[in-house]
Amino acid sequence: MLAVLRPAVVSLIASAGLSILTIGIFRDGIISTANIQYIEIILFAASLYLLRKHQTNPISIILGSGVVGTLFYLIV
């Protein structure tokens, strides 16, 4: 019985992740090349690299991304 729920749970989690990624990368959630936020793509790629290659603590990645993003948007 629970084996039937596994694909549904995985698809719900993937859908939520994709939704959050879309909102984070594109301004106002509208998917268009004119709405791409490049600093978020760079932060995402750097975070993913640090998580996968260097096994960095996810909490420090979240805090570091927040600090870098805040500093960038204060300067620009």
Protein backbone atom coordinates (compact mmCIF):
# COMPACT_ATOMS: atom_id res chain seq x y z
CA MET A 1 0.00 0.00 0.00
CA LEU A 2 2.73 2.50 0.89
CA ALA A 3 4.70 1.63 -2.25
CA VAL A 4 1.93 3.25 -4.28
CA LEU A 5 2.41 6.55 -2.42
CA ARG A 6 6.15 6.82 -3.08
CA PRO A 7 5.92 8.10 -6.72
CA ALA A 8 3.25 10.61 -5.71
CA VAL A 9 5.35 11.95 -2.83
CA VAL A 10 8.46 12.21 -5.03
CA SER A 11 6.55 14.07 -7.73
CA LEU A 12 5.02 16.48 -5.21
CA ILE A 13 8.44 17.27 -3.75
CA ALA A 14 9.94 17.72 -7.24
CA SER A 15 7.06 19.99 -8.25
CA ALA A 16 7.53 22.16 -5.16
CA GLY A 17 11.28 22.38 -5.79
CA LEU A 18 10.79 23.35 -9.42
CA SER A 19 8.23 25.97 -8.42
CA ILE A 20 10.62 27.53 -5.90
CA LEU A 21 13.48 27.44 -8.41
CA THR A 22 11.33 29.16 -11.04
CA ILE A 23 10.34 31.92 -8.63
CA GLY A 24 13.96 32.36 -7.53
CA ILE A 25 15.51 32.57 -10.99
CA PHE A 26 12.88 34.51 -12.91
CA ARG A 27 11.51 37.89 -11.83
CA ASP A 28 7.84 37.72 -10.83
CA GLY A 29 7.79 34.00 -11.70
CA ILE A 30 7.29 34.80 -15.40
CA ILE A 31 9.49 32.50 -17.47
CA SER A 32 11.16 34.67 -20.10
CA THR A 33 14.74 35.41 -21.14
CA ALA A 34 14.18 39.07 -20.26
CA ASN A 35 13.32 38.13 -16.65
CA ILE A 36 16.41 36.08 -15.78
CA GLN A 37 18.16 37.07 -12.55
CA TYR A 38 21.80 36.16 -13.15
CA ILE A 39 23.08 36.62 -9.60
CA GLU A 40 20.63 33.96 -8.37
CA ILE A 41 21.85 31.54 -11.05
CA ILE A 42 25.46 32.16 -10.00
CA LEU A 43 24.62 31.69 -6.31
CA PHE A 44 22.68 28.50 -7.09
CA ALA A 45 25.51 27.06 -9.19
CA ALA A 46 28.14 27.94 -6.58
CA SER A 47 26.03 26.46 -3.79
CA LEU A 48 25.38 23.28 -5.74
CA TYR A 49 29.10 22.96 -6.52
CA LEU A 50 30.06 23.40 -2.85
CA LEU A 51 27.43 20.92 -1.72
CA ARG A 52 28.35 18.22 -4.25
CA LYS A 53 32.14 18.51 -4.55
CA HIS A 54 33.23 19.72 -1.12
CA GLN A 55 30.45 18.25 1.07
CA THR A 56 29.90 21.62 2.76
CA ASN A 57 27.34 21.92 5.54
CA PRO A 58 23.97 22.95 4.00
CA ILE A 59 23.24 25.41 6.82
CA SER A 60 26.46 27.33 6.09
CA ILE A 61 25.58 27.31 2.38
CA ILE A 62 22.16 28.84 3.14
CA LEU A 63 23.64 31.48 5.45
CA GLY A 64 26.50 32.25 3.05
CA SER A 65 24.13 32.63 0.10
CA GLY A 66 21.98 34.98 2.14
CA VAL A 67 24.96 37.12 3.13
CA VAL A 68 26.38 37.24 -0.41
CA GLY A 69 22.98 38.03 -1.93
CA THR A 70 22.30 40.76 0.62
CA LEU A 71 25.70 42.36 0.10
CA PHE A 72 25.33 42.21 -3.68
CA TYR A 73 21.91 43.85 -3.66
CA LEU A 74 23.07 46.52 -1.19
CA ILE A 75 25.95 47.42 -3.50
CA VAL A 76 24.02 47.29 -6.79
